Amino acid sequence: MSAATERALRRDIVETSLEMERLGINQGTSGNVSARLGDGFLITPSGVPARELREDSIVWLSLDVADDADVLREKRPSSEWRIHRDILRARQEMHAVVHTHSIAATAMAIHGRDIPALHYMVGAAGGDSIRCAPYALFGTQLLSDHALAALQDRRACLLAHHGVVALGVDLARAVWLAHEVEVLARQYLLACQLGAPPLLSGEQMDEVLEKFKTYGRRKEAKH
């Protein structure tokens, strides 16, 4: 991995953090962003607002980093570095992770509610629901374990009394999905004002998920 590539990725993480704030899915020092780099990952630092982030404030950690590593005391990565480390270890096909405290999705997470199949775009997260992981104290291994379980066969989940985690093949896709989760949560909360919303059936969601396998992909040109 070249130095230029690393600089570009650090710049993308800073821009991603600012974009999350512009989209209204993060605020202040909440949330965090990471991206795979070589045999480790780059992650936003702890307690720094998006508008104060600089390329050199982004922290690199090895995927093998342990709780007692000196680098954690020296560089102070996001308190949720375990979630990012564990996801990037377990999901080799994913290269970016974002965590937000977006309002509507967090409101559902406070109630420990999954986002059900009220709209076909729920399938964008990989299944017929967006699961809510059980509560655990922020920054703990238990929280990371709960998140990994809720992300089984999924690309996004809620964290009870906390927020949202979304994955992507790159930063742009991860942020897009985090924002989509927030839109779906708003739609669900609004629909609930008219009563319990009707949901798509398992068969209907199976059709959606099958179609998503090729959604947005162009057919190869014939020569």
C-alpha atoms as a PDB file:
ATOM      1  CA  MET A   1       0.000   0.000   0.000  1.00  0.00           C
ATOM      2  CA  SER A   2       1.589   3.263  -1.113  1.00  0.00           C
ATOM      3  CA  ALA A   3       1.887   6.381   1.021  1.00  0.00           C
ATOM      4  CA  ALA A   4      -0.302   8.213  -1.499  1.00  0.00           C
ATOM      5  CA  THR A   5      -3.029   5.574  -1.144  1.00  0.00           C
ATOM      6  CA  GLU A   6      -2.925   5.857   2.635  1.00  0.00           C
ATOM      7  CA  ARG A   7      -3.148   9.653   2.478  1.00  0.00           C
ATOM      8  CA  ALA A   8      -6.127   9.412   0.139  1.00  0.00           C
ATOM      9  CA  LEU A   9      -7.880   6.973   2.476  1.00  0.00           C
ATOM     10  CA  ARG A  10      -7.220   9.197   5.492  1.00  0.00           C
ATOM     11  CA  ARG A  11      -8.714  12.109   3.523  1.00  0.00           C
ATOM     12  CA  ASP A  12     -11.742   9.966   2.624  1.00  0.00           C
ATOM     13  CA  ILE A  13     -12.330   9.104   6.285  1.00  0.00           C
ATOM     14  CA  VAL A  14     -12.279  12.792   7.229  1.00  0.00           C
ATOM     15  CA  GLU A  15     -14.690  13.600   4.381  1.00  0.00           C
ATOM     16  CA  THR A  16     -16.917  10.675   5.345  1.00  0.00           C
ATOM     17  CA  SER A  17     -17.169  11.962   8.914  1.00  0.00           C
ATOM     18  CA  LEU A  18     -18.152  15.401   7.615  1.00  0.00           C
ATOM     19  CA  GLU A  19     -20.676  13.875   5.221  1.00  0.00           C
ATOM     20  CA  MET A  20     -22.308  11.936   8.060  1.00  0.00           C
ATOM     21  CA  GLU A  21     -22.770  15.215   9.903  1.00  0.00           C
ATOM     22  CA  ARG A  22     -24.152  16.909   6.773  1.00  0.00           C
ATOM     23  CA  LEU A  23     -26.636  14.059   6.353  1.00  0.00           C
ATOM     24  CA  GLY A  24     -27.771  14.500   9.944  1.00  0.00           C
ATOM     25  CA  ILE A  25     -26.876  10.960  10.999  1.00  0.00           C
ATOM     26  CA  ASN A  26     -24.132  12.078  13.381  1.00  0.00           C
ATOM     27  CA  GLN A  27     -23.399  15.073  15.528  1.00  0.00           C
ATOM     28  CA  GLY A  28     -20.625  16.350  17.762  1.00  0.00           C
ATOM     29  CA  THR A  29     -18.203  13.627  18.772  1.00  0.00           C
ATOM     30  CA  SER A  30     -20.691  10.766  18.333  1.00  0.00           C
ATOM     31  CA  GLY A  31     -20.093   7.936  15.902  1.00  0.00           C
ATOM     32  CA  ASN A  32     -16.929   6.722  14.205  1.00  0.00           C
ATOM     33  CA  VAL A  33     -15.542   5.594  10.850  1.00  0.00           C
ATOM     34  CA  SER A  34     -13.000   3.003   9.762  1.00  0.00           C
ATOM     35  CA  ALA A  35     -11.540   1.594   6.548  1.00  0.00           C
ATOM     36  CA  ARG A  36      -9.335  -1.409   5.865  1.00  0.00           C
ATOM     37  CA  LEU A  37      -5.694  -0.641   5.058  1.00  0.00           C
ATOM     38  CA  GLY A  38      -3.240  -3.481   4.481  1.00  0.00           C
ATOM     39  CA  ASP A  39      -3.163  -5.823   7.472  1.00  0.00           C
ATOM     40  CA  GLY A  40      -4.900  -3.253   9.665  1.00  0.00           C
ATOM     41  CA  PHE A  41      -7.367  -0.413   9.498  1.00  0.00           C
ATOM     42  CA  LEU A  42      -7.617   3.345   9.817  1.00  0.00           C
ATOM     43  CA  ILE A  43     -10.130   4.672  12.358  1.00  0.00           C
ATOM     44  CA  THR A  44     -11.267   8.052  13.643  1.00  0.00           C
ATOM     45  CA  PRO A  45      -9.828   9.145  17.016  1.00  0.00           C
ATOM     46  CA  SER A  46     -11.711   9.337  20.289  1.00  0.00           C
ATOM     47  CA  GLY A  47     -13.561  12.510  21.235  1.00  0.00           C
ATOM     48  CA  VAL A  48     -12.769  14.662  18.186  1.00  0.00           C
ATOM     49  CA  PRO A  49     -15.681  16.411  16.380  1.00  0.00           C
ATOM     50  CA  ALA A  50     -15.867  15.810  12.631  1.00  0.00           C
ATOM     51  CA  ARG A  51     -15.103  19.437  11.794  1.00  0.00           C
ATOM     52  CA  GLU A  52     -11.828  19.221  13.776  1.00  0.00           C
ATOM     53  CA  LEU A  53     -10.571  16.011  12.173  1.00  0.00           C
ATOM     54  CA  ARG A  54      -7.365  16.132  10.161  1.00  0.00           C
ATOM     55  CA  GLU A  55      -5.708  13.449   8.057  1.00  0.00           C
ATOM     56  CA  ASP A  56      -2.923  12.986  10.605  1.00  0.00           C
ATOM     57  CA  SER A  57      -5.399  12.526  13.467  1.00  0.00           C
ATOM     58  CA  ILE A  58      -6.757   9.309  11.931  1.00  0.00           C
ATOM     59  CA  VAL A  59      -5.333   6.279  13.786  1.00  0.00           C
ATOM     60  CA  TRP A  60      -3.938   3.107  12.191  1.00  0.00           C
ATOM     61  CA  LEU A  61      -4.410  -0.132  14.130  1.00  0.00           C
ATOM     62  CA  SER A  62      -3.411  -3.682  13.340  1.00  0.00           C
ATOM     63  CA  LEU A  63      -6.248  -6.193  12.993  1.00  0.00           C
ATOM     64  CA  ASP A  64      -4.372  -8.119  15.688  1.00  0.00           C
ATOM     65  CA  VAL A  65      -4.410  -5.246  18.178  1.00  0.00           C
ATOM     66  CA  ALA A  66      -5.226  -6.392  21.726  1.00  0.00           C
ATOM     67  CA  ASP A  67      -6.747  -4.547  24.657  1.00  0.00           C
ATOM     68  CA  ASP A  68      -3.383  -4.086  26.378  1.00  0.00           C
ATOM     69  CA  ALA A  69      -1.536  -2.695  23.338  1.00  0.00           C
ATOM     70  CA  ASP A  70       0.536   0.416  24.043  1.00  0.00           C
ATOM     71  CA  VAL A  71      -0.703   2.017  20.817  1.00  0.00           C
ATOM     72  CA  LEU A  72      -4.175   2.355  22.310  1.00  0.00           C
ATOM     73  CA  ARG A  73      -2.850   4.577  25.089  1.00  0.00           C
ATOM     74  CA  GLU A  74      -0.668   6.614  22.749  1.00  0.00           C
ATOM     75  CA  LYS A  75      -3.019   7.214  19.813  1.00  0.00           C
ATOM     76  CA  ARG A  76      -6.473   7.059  21.464  1.00  0.00           C
ATOM     77  CA  PRO A  77      -8.602   5.539  18.690  1.00  0.00           C
ATOM     78  CA  SER A  78     -12.390   5.622  18.915  1.00  0.00           C
ATOM     79  CA  SER A  79     -13.685   3.816  21.979  1.00  0.00           C
ATOM     80  CA  GLU A  80     -15.529   1.481  19.577  1.00  0.00           C
ATOM     81  CA  TRP A  81     -12.329   0.234  17.890  1.00  0.00           C
ATOM     82  CA  ARG A  82     -13.214  -3.337  18.932  1.00  0.00           C
ATOM     83  CA  ILE A  83     -16.357  -3.308  16.781  1.00  0.00           C
ATOM     84  CA  HIS A  84     -14.379  -2.111  13.766  1.00  0.00           C
ATOM     85  CA  ARG A  85     -11.526  -4.574  14.354  1.00  0.00           C
ATOM     86  CA  ASP A  86     -13.841  -7.541  14.828  1.00  0.00           C
ATOM     87  CA  ILE A  87     -16.054  -6.756  11.829  1.00  0.00           C
ATOM     88  CA  LEU A  88     -13.094  -6.260   9.496  1.00  0.00           C
ATOM     89  CA  ARG A  89     -11.569  -9.499  10.762  1.00  0.00           C
ATOM     90  CA  ALA A  90     -14.769 -11.490  10.314  1.00  0.00           C
ATOM     91  CA  ARG A  91     -16.055  -9.942   7.090  1.00  0.00           C
ATOM     92  CA  GLN A  92     -13.252 -10.060   4.567  1.00  0.00           C
ATOM     93  CA  GLU A  93     -15.578  -8.845   1.803  1.00  0.00           C
ATOM     94  CA  MET A  94     -16.241  -5.599   3.668  1.00  0.00           C
ATOM     95  CA  HIS A  95     -13.691  -2.769   3.731  1.00  0.00           C
ATOM     96  CA  ALA A  96     -15.445   0.053   5.609  1.00  0.00           C
ATOM     97  CA  VAL A  97     -17.489   0.409   8.789  1.00  0.00           C
ATOM     98  CA  VAL A  98     -19.459   3.399  10.040  1.00  0.00           C
ATOM     99  CA  HIS A  99     -21.214   3.845  13.361  1.00  0.00           C
ATOM    100  CA  THR A 100     -23.837   6.544  13.881  1.00  0.00           C
ATOM    101  CA  HIS A 101     -26.217   7.844  16.533  1.00  0.00           C
ATOM    102  CA  SER A 102     -28.888   8.863  14.009  1.00  0.00           C
ATOM    103  CA  ILE A 103     -32.112  10.000  15.657  1.00  0.00           C
ATOM    104  CA  ALA A 104     -34.916   7.772  14.333  1.00  0.00           C
ATOM    105  CA  ALA A 105     -32.871   4.573  14.198  1.00  0.00           C
ATOM    106  CA  THR A 106     -31.559   5.196  17.714  1.00  0.00           C
ATOM    107  CA  ALA A 107     -35.131   5.798  18.917  1.00  0.00           C
ATOM    108  CA  MET A 108     -36.012   2.307  17.686  1.00  0.00           C
ATOM    109  CA  ALA A 109     -32.837   0.925  19.250  1.00  0.00           C
ATOM    110  CA  ILE A 110     -33.827   2.441  22.602  1.00  0.00           C
ATOM    111  CA  HIS A 111     -36.885   0.183  22.457  1.00  0.00           C
ATOM    112  CA  GLY A 112     -34.754  -2.754  21.315  1.00  0.00           C
ATOM    113  CA  ARG A 113     -36.809  -2.999  18.121  1.00  0.00           C
ATOM    114  CA  ASP A 114     -35.678  -4.492  14.831  1.00  0.00           C
ATOM    115  CA  ILE A 115     -36.610  -2.623  11.663  1.00  0.00           C
ATOM    116  CA  PRO A 116     -39.025  -5.086   9.993  1.00  0.00           C
ATOM    117  CA  ALA A 117     -39.840  -5.571   6.326  1.00  0.00           C
ATOM    118  CA  LEU A 118     -42.043  -2.495   5.967  1.00  0.00           C
ATOM    119  CA  HIS A 119     -40.289  -1.476   2.720  1.00  0.00           C
ATOM    120  CA  TYR A 120     -38.298  -3.412   0.174  1.00  0.00           C
ATOM    121  CA  MET A 121     -35.219  -1.261   0.887  1.00  0.00           C
ATOM    122  CA  VAL A 122     -34.802  -3.171   4.152  1.00  0.00           C
ATOM    123  CA  GLY A 123     -33.219  -5.739   1.835  1.00  0.00           C
ATOM    124  CA  ALA A 124     -30.345  -3.342   1.161  1.00  0.00           C
ATOM    125  CA  ALA A 125     -28.930  -4.453   4.513  1.00  0.00           C
ATOM    126  CA  GLY A 126     -28.920  -8.073   3.351  1.00  0.00           C
ATOM    127  CA  GLY A 127     -32.012  -9.636   4.896  1.00  0.00           C
ATOM    128  CA  ASP A 128     -35.705  -9.344   5.716  1.00  0.00           C
ATOM    129  CA  SER A 129     -35.068  -7.174   8.780  1.00  0.00           C
ATOM    130  CA  ILE A 130     -32.434  -4.959  10.334  1.00  0.00           C
ATOM    131  CA  ARG A 131     -31.730  -6.554  13.687  1.00  0.00           C
ATOM    132  CA  CYS A 132     -31.209  -4.774  16.983  1.00  0.00           C
ATOM    133  CA  ALA A 133     -28.305  -6.139  19.040  1.00  0.00           C
ATOM    134  CA  PRO A 134     -28.772  -6.402  22.826  1.00  0.00           C
ATOM    135  CA  TYR A 135     -27.460  -3.616  25.035  1.00  0.00           C
ATOM    136  CA  ALA A 136     -23.891  -3.624  26.314  1.00  0.00           C
ATOM    137  CA  LEU A 137     -21.696  -0.835  27.671  1.00  0.00           C
ATOM    138  CA  PHE A 138     -20.076   1.240  24.922  1.00  0.00           C
ATOM    139  CA  GLY A 139     -16.482   0.396  24.072  1.00  0.00           C
ATOM    140  CA  THR A 140     -16.654  -3.148  25.457  1.00  0.00           C
ATOM    141  CA  GLN A 141     -15.905  -6.507  23.895  1.00  0.00           C
ATOM    142  CA  LEU A 142     -19.423  -7.636  24.787  1.00  0.00           C
ATOM    143  CA  LEU A 143     -20.899  -4.860  22.639  1.00  0.00           C
ATOM    144  CA  SER A 144     -18.710  -5.932  19.725  1.00  0.00           C
ATOM    145  CA  ASP A 145     -19.783  -9.555  20.188  1.00  0.00           C
ATOM    146  CA  HIS A 146     -23.458  -8.531  20.158  1.00  0.00           C
ATOM    147  CA  ALA A 147     -22.928  -6.428  17.013  1.00  0.00           C
ATOM    148  CA  LEU A 148     -21.202  -9.291  15.163  1.00  0.00           C
ATOM    149  CA  ALA A 149     -24.090 -11.633  15.993  1.00  0.00           C
ATOM    150  CA  ALA A 150     -26.698  -9.106  14.796  1.00  0.00           C
ATOM    151  CA  LEU A 151     -24.682  -8.609  11.588  1.00  0.00           C
ATOM    152  CA  GLN A 152     -24.706 -12.288  10.699  1.00  0.00           C
ATOM    153  CA  ASP A 153     -25.722 -12.334   6.993  1.00  0.00           C
ATOM    154  CA  ARG A 154     -26.424  -8.586   7.251  1.00  0.00           C
ATOM    155  CA  ARG A 155     -24.652  -5.337   6.414  1.00  0.00           C
ATOM    156  CA  ALA A 156     -26.296  -3.161   9.078  1.00  0.00           C
ATOM    157  CA  CYS A 157     -27.710  -3.473  12.568  1.00  0.00           C
ATOM    158  CA  LEU A 158     -28.987  -1.368  15.443  1.00  0.00           C
ATOM    159  CA  LEU A 159     -27.342  -1.332  18.870  1.00  0.00           C
ATOM    160  CA  ALA A 160     -29.803  -1.190  21.765  1.00  0.00           C
ATOM    161  CA  HIS A 161     -29.801   2.191  23.573  1.00  0.00           C
ATOM    162  CA  HIS A 162     -26.956   3.278  21.317  1.00  0.00           C
ATOM    163  CA  GLY A 163     -27.154   3.631  17.524  1.00  0.00           C
ATOM    164  CA  VAL A 164     -26.378   2.023  14.151  1.00  0.00           C
ATOM    165  CA  VAL A 165     -23.532   0.079  12.544  1.00  0.00           C
ATOM    166  CA  ALA A 166     -23.316  -0.183   8.734  1.00  0.00           C
ATOM    167  CA  LEU A 167     -20.760  -1.934   6.529  1.00  0.00           C
ATOM    168  CA  GLY A 168     -19.722  -1.446   2.943  1.00  0.00           C
ATOM    169  CA  VAL A 169     -17.256  -2.501   0.313  1.00  0.00           C
ATOM    170  CA  ASP A 170     -16.062   1.088   0.560  1.00  0.00           C
ATOM    171  CA  LEU A 171     -16.767   4.184   2.636  1.00  0.00           C
ATOM    172  CA  ALA A 172     -19.325   5.622   0.234  1.00  0.00           C
ATOM    173  CA  ARG A 173     -21.403   2.448   0.332  1.00  0.00           C
ATOM    174  CA  ALA A 174     -21.220   2.186   4.127  1.00  0.00           C
ATOM    175  CA  VAL A 175     -22.417   5.786   4.589  1.00  0.00           C
ATOM    176  CA  TRP A 176     -25.163   5.313   2.011  1.00  0.00           C
ATOM    177  CA  LEU A 177     -26.447   2.292   3.945  1.00  0.00           C
ATOM    178  CA  ALA A 178     -26.255   4.062   7.326  1.00  0.00           C
ATOM    179  CA  HIS A 179     -28.361   6.875   5.892  1.00  0.00           C
ATOM    180  CA  GLU A 180     -30.813   4.384   4.359  1.00  0.00           C
ATOM    181  CA  VAL A 181     -31.237   2.735   7.778  1.00  0.00           C
ATOM    182  CA  GLU A 182     -32.152   6.120   9.228  1.00  0.00           C
ATOM    183  CA  VAL A 183     -34.682   6.743   6.412  1.00  0.00           C
ATOM    184  CA  LEU A 184     -36.270   3.336   7.008  1.00  0.00           C
ATOM    185  CA  ALA A 185     -36.500   4.004  10.742  1.00  0.00           C
ATOM    186  CA  ARG A 186     -38.257   7.328  10.080  1.00  0.00           C
ATOM    187  CA  GLN A 187     -40.670   5.637   7.680  1.00  0.00           C
ATOM    188  CA  TYR A 188     -41.446   2.957  10.249  1.00  0.00           C
ATOM    189  CA  LEU A 189     -42.060   5.434  13.063  1.00  0.00           C
ATOM    190  CA  LEU A 190     -44.339   7.548  10.830  1.00  0.00           C
ATOM    191  CA  ALA A 191     -46.234   4.487   9.579  1.00  0.00           C
ATOM    192  CA  CYS A 192     -46.795   3.367  13.173  1.00  0.00           C
ATOM    193  CA  GLN A 193     -48.775   6.570  13.791  1.00  0.00           C
ATOM    194  CA  LEU A 194     -51.488   5.109  11.530  1.00  0.00           C
ATOM    195  CA  GLY A 195     -51.428   1.773  13.352  1.00  0.00           C
ATOM    196  CA  ALA A 196     -49.314  -1.358  13.068  1.00  0.00           C
ATOM    197  CA  PRO A 197     -47.888  -1.149   9.530  1.00  0.00           C
ATOM    198  CA  PRO A 198     -48.434  -4.044   7.104  1.00  0.00           C
ATOM    199  CA  LEU A 199     -45.197  -5.849   6.283  1.00  0.00           C
ATOM    200  CA  LEU A 200     -43.860  -7.567   3.199  1.00  0.00           C
ATOM    201  CA  SER A 201     -44.092 -11.349   3.410  1.00  0.00           C
ATOM    202  CA  GLY A 202     -41.112 -13.680   3.568  1.00  0.00           C
ATOM    203  CA  GLU A 203     -41.748 -14.686  -0.035  1.00  0.00           C
ATOM    204  CA  GLN A 204     -41.855 -11.049  -1.149  1.00  0.00           C
ATOM    205  CA  MET A 205     -38.607 -10.276   0.631  1.00  0.00           C
ATOM    206  CA  ASP A 206     -36.971 -13.355  -0.906  1.00  0.00           C
ATOM    207  CA  GLU A 207     -37.838 -11.892  -4.322  1.00  0.00           C
ATOM    208  CA  VAL A 208     -36.365  -8.539  -3.282  1.00  0.00           C
ATOM    209  CA  LEU A 209     -33.138 -10.114  -2.039  1.00  0.00           C
ATOM    210  CA  GLU A 210     -32.761 -12.107  -5.237  1.00  0.00           C
ATOM    211  CA  LYS A 211     -33.221  -8.974  -7.324  1.00  0.00           C
ATOM    212  CA  PHE A 212     -30.724  -7.055  -5.175  1.00  0.00           C
ATOM    213  CA  LYS A 213     -28.031  -9.559  -6.196  1.00  0.00           C
ATOM    214  CA  THR A 214     -27.842  -7.867  -9.597  1.00  0.00           C
ATOM    215  CA  TYR A 215     -29.335  -4.461  -8.754  1.00  0.00           C
ATOM    216  CA  GLY A 216     -27.316  -1.617 -10.269  1.00  0.00           C
ATOM    217  CA  ARG A 217     -24.939  -3.924 -12.140  1.00  0.00           C
ATOM    218  CA  ARG A 218     -24.548  -3.367 -15.855  1.00  0.00           C
ATOM    219  CA  LYS A 219     -24.430  -6.320 -18.181  1.00  0.00           C
ATOM    220  CA  GLU A 220     -21.045  -6.879 -19.772  1.00  0.00           C
ATOM    221  CA  ALA A 221     -20.900  -5.642 -23.325  1.00  0.00           C
ATOM    222  CA  LYS A 222     -20.719  -8.319 -25.967  1.00  0.00           C
ATOM    223  CA  HIS A 223     -17.798  -8.120 -28.383  1.00  0.00           C
END
